[in-house]
PDB file of N, CA and C in Angstrom:
ATOM      1  N   UNK A   1      99.490 101.393 105.454  1.00  0.00           N
ATOM      2  CA  UNK A   1      99.077 102.613 106.112  1.00  0.00           C
ATOM      3  C   UNK A   1      99.604 103.803 105.309  1.00  0.00           C
ATOM      4  N   UNK A   2      98.785 104.822 105.229  1.00  0.00           N
ATOM      5  CA  UNK A   2      99.149 106.001 104.449  1.00  0.00           C
ATOM      6  C   UNK A   2      99.021 107.246 105.325  1.00  0.00           C
ATOM      7  N   UNK A   3     100.090 108.024 105.382  1.00  0.00           N
ATOM      8  CA  UNK A   3     100.086 109.311 106.081  1.00  0.00           C
ATOM      9  C   UNK A   3     100.200 110.401 105.026  1.00  0.00           C
ATOM     10  N   UNK A   4      99.618 111.550 105.299  1.00  0.00           N
ATOM     11  CA  UNK A   4      99.680 112.627 104.308  1.00  0.00           C
ATOM     12  C   UNK A   4      99.611 113.984 104.979  1.00  0.00           C
ATOM     13  N   UNK A   5     100.167 114.969 104.284  1.00  0.00           N
ATOM     14  CA  UNK A   5     100.130 116.349 104.757  1.00  0.00           C
ATOM     15  C   UNK A   5     100.373 117.277 103.576  1.00  0.00           C
ATOM     16  N   UNK A   6      99.884 118.489 103.701  1.00  0.00           N
ATOM     17  CA  UNK A   6     100.145 119.517 102.702  1.00  0.00           C
ATOM     18  C   UNK A   6     101.301 120.371 103.204  1.00  0.00           C
ATOM     19  N   UNK A   7     102.355 120.452 102.413  1.00  0.00           N
ATOM     20  CA  UNK A   7     103.498 121.301 102.752  1.00  0.00           C
ATOM     21  C   UNK A   7     103.217 122.666 102.136  1.00  0.00           C
ATOM     22  N   UNK A   8     102.820 123.607 102.971  1.00  0.00           N
ATOM     23  CA  UNK A   8     102.341 124.910 102.493  1.00  0.00           C
ATOM     24  C   UNK A   8     103.399 125.673 101.700  1.00  0.00           C
ATOM     25  N   UNK A   9     104.639 125.608 102.146  1.00  0.00           N
ATOM     26  CA  UNK A   9     105.704 126.388 101.511  1.00  0.00           C
ATOM     27  C   UNK A   9     105.858 126.048 100.030  1.00  0.00           C
ATOM     28  N   UNK A  10     105.768 124.759  99.705  1.00  0.00           N
ATOM     29  CA  UNK A  10     105.959 124.328  98.315  1.00  0.00           C
ATOM     30  C   UNK A  10     104.648 123.946  97.628  1.00  0.00           C
ATOM     31  N   UNK A  11     103.542 124.033  98.372  1.00  0.00           N
ATOM     32  CA  UNK A  11     102.225 123.634  97.854  1.00  0.00           C
ATOM     33  C   UNK A  11     102.255 122.211  97.308  1.00  0.00           C
ATOM     34  N   UNK A  12     102.938 121.348  98.051  1.00  0.00           N
ATOM     35  CA  UNK A  12     103.099 119.950  97.669  1.00  0.00           C
ATOM     36  C   UNK A  12     102.427 119.063  98.706  1.00  0.00           C
ATOM     37  N   UNK A  13     101.695 118.071  98.231  1.00  0.00           N
ATOM     38  CA  UNK A  13     101.104 117.083  99.122  1.00  0.00           C
ATOM     39  C   UNK A  13     102.122 115.962  99.306  1.00  0.00           C
ATOM     40  N   UNK A  14     102.506 115.725 100.553  1.00  0.00           N
ATOM     41  CA  UNK A  14     103.438 114.640 100.862  1.00  0.00           C
ATOM     42  C   UNK A  14     102.629 113.442 101.343  1.00  0.00           C
ATOM     43  N   UNK A  15     102.840 112.316 100.690  1.00  0.00           N
ATOM     44  CA  UNK A  15     102.146 111.079 101.038  1.00  0.00           C
ATOM     45  C   UNK A  15     103.207 110.039 101.385  1.00  0.00           C
ATOM     46  N   UNK A  16     103.103 109.461 102.578  1.00  0.00           N
ATOM     47  CA  UNK A  16     104.034 108.423 103.015  1.00  0.00           C
ATOM     48  C   UNK A  16     103.265 107.107 103.077  1.00  0.00           C
ATOM     49  N   UNK A  17     103.740 106.131 102.311  1.00  0.00           N
ATOM     50  CA  UNK A  17     103.118 104.807 102.298  1.00  0.00           C
ATOM     51  C   UNK A  17     103.995 103.876 103.124  1.00  0.00           C
ATOM     52  N   UNK A  18     103.365 103.150 104.069  1.00  0.00           N
ATOM     53  CA  UNK A  18     104.099 102.223 104.934  1.00  0.00           C
ATOM     54  C   UNK A  18     103.602 100.805 104.725  1.00  0.00           C
ATOM     55  N   UNK A  19     104.526  99.855 104.710  1.00  0.00           N
ATOM     56  CA  UNK A  19     104.147  98.446 104.610  1.00  0.00           C
ATOM     57  C   UNK A  19     103.801  98.053 103.187  1.00  0.00           C
ATOM     58  N   UNK A  20     102.745  97.275 103.060  1.00  0.00           N
ATOM     59  CA  UNK A  20     102.323  96.780 101.751  1.00  0.00           C
ATOM     60  C   UNK A  20     101.545  97.861 101.012  1.00  0.00           C
ATOM     61  N   UNK A  21     101.967  98.139  99.804  1.00  0.00           N
ATOM     62  CA  UNK A  21     101.267  99.081  98.925  1.00  0.00           C
ATOM     63  C   UNK A  21     100.578  98.213  97.879  1.00  0.00           C
ATOM     64  N   UNK A  22      99.328  97.840  98.187  1.00  0.00           N
ATOM     65  CA  UNK A  22      98.617  96.893  97.341  1.00  0.00           C
ATOM     66  C   UNK A  22      97.127  97.221  97.308  1.00  0.00           C
ATOM     67  N   UNK A  23      96.342  96.296  96.798  1.00  0.00           N
ATOM     68  CA  UNK A  23      94.906  96.500  96.629  1.00  0.00           C
ATOM     69  C   UNK A  23      94.225  96.946  97.921  1.00  0.00           C
ATOM     70  N   UNK A  24      94.694  96.475  99.050  1.00  0.00           N
ATOM     71  CA  UNK A  24      94.079  96.823 100.332  1.00  0.00           C
ATOM     72  C   UNK A  24      94.216  98.300 100.680  1.00  0.00           C
ATOM     73  N   UNK A  25      95.115  99.012 100.037  1.00  0.00           N
ATOM     74  CA  UNK A  25      95.315 100.451 100.269  1.00  0.00           C
ATOM     75  C   UNK A  25      94.462 101.313  99.346  1.00  0.00           C
ATOM     76  N   UNK A  26      93.776 100.680  98.420  1.00  0.00           N
ATOM     77  CA  UNK A  26      93.108 101.418  97.353  1.00  0.00           C
ATOM     78  C   UNK A  26      92.132 102.478  97.867  1.00  0.00           C
ATOM     79  N   UNK A  27      91.246 102.114  98.776  1.00  0.00           N
ATOM     80  CA  UNK A  27      90.264 103.090  99.268  1.00  0.00           C
ATOM     81  C   UNK A  27      90.931 104.242 100.002  1.00  0.00           C
ATOM     82  N   UNK A  28      91.901 103.925 100.843  1.00  0.00           N
ATOM     83  CA  UNK A  28      92.610 104.961 101.598  1.00  0.00           C
ATOM     84  C   UNK A  28      93.365 105.900 100.657  1.00  0.00           C
ATOM     85  N   UNK A  29      94.004 105.343  99.634  1.00  0.00           N
ATOM     86  CA  UNK A  29      94.754 106.161  98.682  1.00  0.00           C
ATOM     87  C   UNK A  29      93.809 107.072  97.899  1.00  0.00           C
ATOM     88  N   UNK A  30      92.668 106.536  97.481  1.00  0.00           N
ATOM     89  CA  UNK A  30      91.692 107.347  96.747  1.00  0.00           C
ATOM     90  C   UNK A  30      91.138 108.471  97.620  1.00  0.00           C
ATOM     91  N   UNK A  31      90.959 108.202  98.910  1.00  0.00           N
ATOM     92  CA  UNK A  31      90.494 109.243  99.832  1.00  0.00           C
ATOM     93  C   UNK A  31      91.502 110.388  99.912  1.00  0.00           C
ATOM     94  N   UNK A  32      92.783 110.053  99.927  1.00  0.00           N
ATOM     95  CA  UNK A  32      93.828 111.083  99.957  1.00  0.00           C
ATOM     96  C   UNK A  32      93.755 111.930  98.694  1.00  0.00           C
ATOM     97  N   UNK A  33      93.628 111.274  97.546  1.00  0.00           N
ATOM     98  CA  UNK A  33      93.528 112.005  96.278  1.00  0.00           C
ATOM     99  C   UNK A  33      92.322 112.939  96.304  1.00  0.00           C
ATOM    100  N   UNK A  34      91.202 112.425  96.777  1.00  0.00           N
ATOM    101  CA  UNK A  34      89.975 113.228  96.840  1.00  0.00           C
ATOM    102  C   UNK A  34      90.128 114.393  97.808  1.00  0.00           C
ATOM    103  N   UNK A  35      90.755 114.139  98.952  1.00  0.00           N
ATOM    104  CA  UNK A  35      90.938 115.189  99.960  1.00  0.00           C
ATOM    105  C   UNK A  35      91.748 116.359  99.414  1.00  0.00           C
ATOM    106  N   UNK A  36      92.678 116.064  98.523  1.00  0.00           N
ATOM    107  CA  UNK A  36      93.538 117.109  97.983  1.00  0.00           C
ATOM    108  C   UNK A  36      93.184 117.451  96.543  1.00  0.00           C
ATOM    109  N   UNK A  37      91.904 117.365  96.211  1.00  0.00           N
ATOM    110  CA  UNK A  37      91.510 117.769  94.857  1.00  0.00           C
ATOM    111  C   UNK A  37      91.844 119.246  94.695  1.00  0.00           C
ATOM    112  N   UNK A  38      92.340 119.589  93.553  1.00  0.00           N
ATOM    113  CA  UNK A  38      92.802 120.955  93.322  1.00  0.00           C
ATOM    114  C   UNK A  38      94.310 121.088  93.464  1.00  0.00           C
ATOM    115  N   UNK A  39      94.928 120.135  94.154  1.00  0.00           N
ATOM    116  CA  UNK A  39      96.391 120.130  94.271  1.00  0.00           C
ATOM    117  C   UNK A  39      96.967 119.362  93.092  1.00  0.00           C
ATOM    118  N   UNK A  40      98.104 119.800  92.599  1.00  0.00           N
ATOM    119  CA  UNK A  40      98.688 119.086  91.464  1.00  0.00           C
ATOM    120  C   UNK A  40     100.163 118.740  91.659  1.00  0.00           C
ATOM    121  N   UNK A  41     100.675 118.941  92.860  1.00  0.00           N
ATOM    122  CA  UNK A  41     102.076 118.579  93.144  1.00  0.00           C
ATOM    123  C   UNK A  41     102.071 117.569  94.296  1.00  0.00           C
ATOM    124  N   UNK A  42     102.666 116.411  94.040  1.00  0.00           N
ATOM    125  CA  UNK A  42     102.679 115.343  95.031  1.00  0.00           C
ATOM    126  C   UNK A  42     104.084 114.777  95.184  1.00  0.00           C
ATOM    127  N   UNK A  43     104.439 114.475  96.416  1.00  0.00           N
ATOM    128  CA  UNK A  43     105.674 113.772  96.749  1.00  0.00           C
ATOM    129  C   UNK A  43     105.245 112.479  97.432  1.00  0.00           C
ATOM    130  N   UNK A  44     105.505 111.357  96.799  1.00  0.00           N
ATOM    131  CA  UNK A  44     105.124 110.062  97.350  1.00  0.00           C
ATOM    132  C   UNK A  44     106.376 109.411  97.926  1.00  0.00           C
ATOM    133  N   UNK A  45     106.428 109.313  99.249  1.00  0.00           N
ATOM    134  CA  UNK A  45     107.572 108.723  99.946  1.00  0.00           C
ATOM    135  C   UNK A  45     107.341 107.215 100.045  1.00  0.00           C
ATOM    136  N   UNK A  46     108.166 106.463  99.342  1.00  0.00           N
ATOM    137  CA  UNK A  46     108.034 105.005  99.302  1.00  0.00           C
ATOM    138  C   UNK A  46     109.088 104.299 100.155  1.00  0.00           C
ATOM    139  N   UNK A  47     109.789 105.032 100.984  1.00  0.00           N
ATOM    140  CA  UNK A  47     110.916 104.465 101.735  1.00  0.00           C
ATOM    141  C   UNK A  47     110.496 103.357 102.697  1.00  0.00           C
ATOM    142  N   UNK A  48     109.237 103.336 103.103  1.00  0.00           N
ATOM    143  CA  UNK A  48     108.772 102.339 104.069  1.00  0.00           C
ATOM    144  C   UNK A  48     107.917 101.246 103.429  1.00  0.00           C
ATOM    145  N   UNK A  49     107.892 101.207 102.108  1.00  0.00           N
ATOM    146  CA  UNK A  49     107.111 100.187 101.404  1.00  0.00           C
ATOM    147  C   UNK A  49     107.867  98.859 101.441  1.00  0.00           C
ATOM    148  N   UNK A  50     107.162  97.802 101.850  1.00  0.00           N
ATOM    149  CA  UNK A  50     107.768  96.470 101.899  1.00  0.00           C
ATOM    150  C   UNK A  50     107.334  95.602 100.726  1.00  0.00           C
ATOM    151  N   UNK A  51     106.259  95.990 100.044  1.00  0.00           N
ATOM    152  CA  UNK A  51     105.725  95.207  98.922  1.00  0.00           C
ATOM    153  C   UNK A  51     104.872  96.127  98.066  1.00  0.00           C
ATOM    154  N   UNK A  52     104.954  95.947  96.759  1.00  0.00           N
ATOM    155  CA  UNK A  52     104.142  96.751  95.842  1.00  0.00           C
ATOM    156  C   UNK A  52     103.619  95.830  94.749  1.00  0.00           C
ATOM    157  N   UNK A  53     102.321  95.948  94.421  1.00  0.00           N
ATOM    158  CA  UNK A  53     101.765  95.127  93.352  1.00  0.00           C
ATOM    159  C   UNK A  53     101.165  95.999  92.253  1.00  0.00           C
ATOM    160  N   UNK A  54     100.519  95.355  91.292  1.00  0.00           N
ATOM    161  CA  UNK A  54      99.970  96.085  90.147  1.00  0.00           C
ATOM    162  C   UNK A  54      98.859  97.044  90.551  1.00  0.00           C
ATOM    163  N   UNK A  55      98.146  96.756  91.625  1.00  0.00           N
ATOM    164  CA  UNK A  55      97.113  97.681  92.093  1.00  0.00           C
ATOM    165  C   UNK A  55      97.747  99.005  92.523  1.00  0.00           C
ATOM    166  N   UNK A  56      98.907  98.935  93.148  1.00  0.00           N
ATOM    167  CA  UNK A  56      99.620 100.155  93.548  1.00  0.00           C
ATOM    168  C   UNK A  56     100.035 100.952  92.324  1.00  0.00           C
ATOM    169  N   UNK A  57     100.486 100.257  91.289  1.00  0.00           N
ATOM    170  CA  UNK A  57     100.848 100.950  90.051  1.00  0.00           C
ATOM    171  C   UNK A  57      99.630 101.664  89.477  1.00  0.00           C
ATOM    172  N   UNK A  58      98.490 100.999  89.525  1.00  0.00           N
ATOM    173  CA  UNK A  58      97.255 101.619  89.052  1.00  0.00           C
ATOM    174  C   UNK A  58      96.882 102.849  89.860  1.00  0.00           C
ATOM    175  N   UNK A  59      97.084 102.790  91.170  1.00  0.00           N
ATOM    176  CA  UNK A  59      96.786 103.949  92.019  1.00  0.00           C
ATOM    177  C   UNK A  59      97.694 105.124  91.673  1.00  0.00           C
ATOM    178  N   UNK A  60      98.951 104.842  91.390  1.00  0.00           N
ATOM    179  CA  UNK A  60      99.876 105.911  91.008  1.00  0.00           C
ATOM    180  C   UNK A  60      99.470 106.530  89.670  1.00  0.00           C
ATOM    181  N   UNK A  61      98.994 105.707  88.746  1.00  0.00           N
ATOM    182  CA  UNK A  61      98.511 106.241  87.464  1.00  0.00           C
ATOM    183  C   UNK A  61      97.269 107.100  87.669  1.00  0.00           C
ATOM    184  N   UNK A  62      96.394 106.678  88.576  1.00  0.00           N
ATOM    185  CA  UNK A  62      95.209 107.473  88.901  1.00  0.00           C
ATOM    186  C   UNK A  62      95.623 108.823  89.477  1.00  0.00           C
ATOM    187  N   UNK A  63      96.601 108.816  90.361  1.00  0.00           N
ATOM    188  CA  UNK A  63      97.117 110.061  90.933  1.00  0.00           C
ATOM    189  C   UNK A  63      97.702 110.948  89.844  1.00  0.00           C
ATOM    190  N   UNK A  64      98.429 110.348  88.919  1.00  0.00           N
ATOM    191  CA  UNK A  64      99.030 111.113  87.812  1.00  0.00           C
ATOM    192  C   UNK A  64      97.945 111.810  86.999  1.00  0.00           C
ATOM    193  N   UNK A  65      96.880 111.088  86.691  1.00  0.00           N
ATOM    194  CA  UNK A  65      95.768 111.695  85.955  1.00  0.00           C
ATOM    195  C   UNK A  65      95.150 112.835  86.758  1.00  0.00           C
ATOM    196  N   UNK A  66      94.980 112.619  88.047  1.00  0.00           N
ATOM    197  CA  UNK A  66      94.398 113.636  88.928  1.00  0.00           C
ATOM    198  C   UNK A  66      95.252 114.906  88.952  1.00  0.00           C
ATOM    199  N   UNK A  67      96.567 114.724  88.908  1.00  0.00           N
ATOM    200  CA  UNK A  67      97.487 115.863  88.996  1.00  0.00           C
ATOM    201  C   UNK A  67      97.722 116.539  87.655  1.00  0.00           C
ATOM    202  N   UNK A  68      97.110 116.051  86.616  1.00  0.00           N
ATOM    203  CA  UNK A  68      97.241 116.701  85.323  1.00  0.00           C
ATOM    204  C   UNK A  68      98.156 115.996  84.344  1.00  0.00           C
ATOM    205  N   UNK A  69      98.755 114.887  84.762  1.00  0.00           N
ATOM    206  CA  UNK A  69      99.529 114.071  83.846  1.00  0.00           C
ATOM    207  C   UNK A  69     100.970 114.458  83.619  1.00  0.00           C
ATOM    208  N   UNK A  70     101.451 115.522  84.230  1.00  0.00           N
ATOM    209  CA  UNK A  70     102.833 115.951  83.999  1.00  0.00           C
ATOM    210  C   UNK A  70     103.819 115.238  84.895  1.00  0.00           C
ATOM    211  N   UNK A  71     104.937 114.819  84.328  1.00  0.00           N
ATOM    212  CA  UNK A  71     105.964 114.099  85.079  1.00  0.00           C
ATOM    213  C   UNK A  71     106.520 114.943  86.225  1.00  0.00           C
ATOM    214  N   UNK A  72     106.636 116.230  86.001  1.00  0.00           N
ATOM    215  CA  UNK A  72     107.258 117.095  87.002  1.00  0.00           C
ATOM    216  C   UNK A  72     106.391 117.311  88.234  1.00  0.00           C
ATOM    217  N   UNK A  73     105.140 116.905  88.178  1.00  0.00           N
ATOM    218  CA  UNK A  73     104.222 117.187  89.274  1.00  0.00           C
ATOM    219  C   UNK A  73     104.186 116.102  90.339  1.00  0.00           C
ATOM    220  N   UNK A  74     104.697 114.913  90.029  1.00  0.00           N
ATOM    221  CA  UNK A  74     104.682 113.811  90.989  1.00  0.00           C
ATOM    222  C   UNK A  74     106.088 113.234  91.103  1.00  0.00           C
ATOM    223  N   UNK A  75     106.567 113.196  92.338  1.00  0.00           N
ATOM    224  CA  UNK A  75     107.881 112.625  92.620  1.00  0.00           C
ATOM    225  C   UNK A  75     107.679 111.370  93.455  1.00  0.00           C
ATOM    226  N   UNK A  76     108.254 110.266  93.010  1.00  0.00           N
ATOM    227  CA  UNK A  76     108.277 109.030  93.780  1.00  0.00           C
ATOM    228  C   UNK A  76     109.657 108.962  94.410  1.00  0.00           C
ATOM    229  N   UNK A  77     109.695 109.031  95.742  1.00  0.00           N
ATOM    230  CA  UNK A  77     110.961 109.242  96.446  1.00  0.00           C
ATOM    231  C   UNK A  77     111.331 108.055  97.329  1.00  0.00           C
ATOM    232  N   UNK A  78     112.623 107.767  97.343  1.00  0.00           N
ATOM    233  CA  UNK A  78     113.244 106.829  98.291  1.00  0.00           C
ATOM    234  C   UNK A  78     112.666 105.416  98.234  1.00  0.00           C
ATOM    235  N   UNK A  79     112.339 104.950  97.056  1.00  0.00           N
ATOM    236  CA  UNK A  79     111.821 103.584  96.928  1.00  0.00           C
ATOM    237  C   UNK A  79     112.924 102.577  97.243  1.00  0.00           C
ATOM    238  N   UNK A  80     112.606 101.546  98.035  1.00  0.00           N
ATOM    239  CA  UNK A  80     113.585 100.480  98.271  1.00  0.00           C
ATOM    240  C   UNK A  80     113.938  99.791  96.948  1.00  0.00           C
ATOM    241  N   UNK A  81     115.077  99.111  96.885  1.00  0.00           N
ATOM    242  CA  UNK A  81     115.524  98.515  95.623  1.00  0.00           C
ATOM    243  C   UNK A  81     114.482  97.640  94.920  1.00  0.00           C
ATOM    244  N   UNK A  82     113.794  96.772  95.638  1.00  0.00           N
ATOM    245  CA  UNK A  82     112.804  95.895  94.999  1.00  0.00           C
ATOM    246  C   UNK A  82     111.645  96.703  94.428  1.00  0.00           C
ATOM    247  N   UNK A  83     111.215  97.721  95.152  1.00  0.00           N
ATOM    248  CA  UNK A  83     110.130  98.581  94.683  1.00  0.00           C
ATOM    249  C   UNK A  83     110.585  99.396  93.481  1.00  0.00           C
ATOM    250  N   UNK A  84     111.798  99.884  93.530  1.00  0.00           N
ATOM    251  CA  UNK A  84     112.358 100.642  92.409  1.00  0.00           C
ATOM    252  C   UNK A  84     112.441  99.778  91.154  1.00  0.00           C
ATOM    253  N   UNK A  85     112.788  98.512  91.327  1.00  0.00           N
ATOM    254  CA  UNK A  85     112.819  97.587  90.186  1.00  0.00           C
ATOM    255  C   UNK A  85     111.441  97.457  89.547  1.00  0.00           C
ATOM    256  N   UNK A  86     110.408  97.306  90.376  1.00  0.00           N
ATOM    257  CA  UNK A  86     109.035  97.204  89.858  1.00  0.00           C
ATOM    258  C   UNK A  86     108.679  98.459  89.073  1.00  0.00           C
ATOM    259  N   UNK A  87     109.000  99.617  89.614  1.00  0.00           N
ATOM    260  CA  UNK A  87     108.685 100.883  88.941  1.00  0.00           C
ATOM    261  C   UNK A  87     109.410 100.997  87.606  1.00  0.00           C
ATOM    262  N   UNK A  88     110.655 100.600  87.572  1.00  0.00           N
ATOM    263  CA  UNK A  88     111.427 100.695  86.323  1.00  0.00           C
ATOM    264  C   UNK A  88     110.965  99.675  85.286  1.00  0.00           C
ATOM    265  N   UNK A  89     110.665  98.454  85.715  1.00  0.00           N
ATOM    266  CA  UNK A  89     110.170  97.436  84.786  1.00  0.00           C
ATOM    267  C   UNK A  89     108.866  97.898  84.145  1.00  0.00           C
ATOM    268  N   UNK A  90     108.036  98.595  84.922  1.00  0.00           N
ATOM    269  CA  UNK A  90     106.760  99.111  84.414  1.00  0.00           C
ATOM    270  C   UNK A  90     106.932 100.428  83.648  1.00  0.00           C
ATOM    271  N   UNK A  91     108.181 100.864  83.459  1.00  0.00           N
ATOM    272  CA  UNK A  91     108.497 102.124  82.762  1.00  0.00           C
ATOM    273  C   UNK A  91     107.924 103.360  83.454  1.00  0.00           C
ATOM    274  N   UNK A  92     107.765 103.282  84.761  1.00  0.00           N
ATOM    275  CA  UNK A  92     107.261 104.436  85.492  1.00  0.00           C
ATOM    276  C   UNK A  92     108.295 105.548  85.572  1.00  0.00           C
ATOM    277  N   UNK A  93     109.546 105.226  85.273  1.00  0.00           N
ATOM    278  CA  UNK A  93     110.562 106.275  85.240  1.00  0.00           C
ATOM    279  C   UNK A  93     110.322 107.224  84.072  1.00  0.00           C
ATOM    280  N   UNK A  94     109.483 106.838  83.132  1.00  0.00           N
ATOM    281  CA  UNK A  94     109.108 107.716  82.018  1.00  0.00           C
ATOM    282  C   UNK A  94     107.883 108.569  82.343  1.00  0.00           C
ATOM    283  N   UNK A  95     107.130 108.145  83.352  1.00  0.00           N
ATOM    284  CA  UNK A  95     105.886 108.831  83.704  1.00  0.00           C
ATOM    285  C   UNK A  95     106.010 109.697  84.950  1.00  0.00           C
ATOM    286  N   UNK A  96     106.960 109.351  85.812  1.00  0.00           N
ATOM    287  CA  UNK A  96     107.132 110.027  87.094  1.00  0.00           C
ATOM    288  C   UNK A  96     108.605 110.392  87.271  1.00  0.00           C
ATOM    289  N   UNK A  97     108.856 111.308  88.174  1.00  0.00           N
ATOM    290  CA  UNK A  97     110.224 111.599  88.582  1.00  0.00           C
ATOM    291  C   UNK A  97     110.564 110.650  89.721  1.00  0.00           C
ATOM    292  N   UNK A  98     111.607 109.846  89.538  1.00  0.00           N
ATOM    293  CA  UNK A  98     112.058 108.926  90.584  1.00  0.00           C
ATOM    294  C   UNK A  98     113.289 109.518  91.254  1.00  0.00           C
ATOM    295  N   UNK A  99     113.231 109.641  92.551  1.00  0.00           N
ATOM    296  CA  UNK A  99     114.370 110.175  93.320  1.00  0.00           C
ATOM    297  C   UNK A  99     114.770 109.189  94.394  1.00  0.00           C
TER     298      UNK A  99
END
């Protein structure tokens, strides 16, 4: 499940992913990206993710392209240890800001 909102003060789109972040989330995640076309600052809250696969990594790369490709524009926040390991093994710490 994906929740999202625009934080007007910082002009940042906050996206909260809950449960499994996998292929089954692909359409919903793409809808969020489309809904916020024109926005280039995203905060992805991963604190409630229980599983992440390669499809999720692909969705994050798609979001990065949508936001203009800059590391400073997308923050991946509060990833659980197993999810953080996946992100680091995939070298996403070089592409995104991990907090």
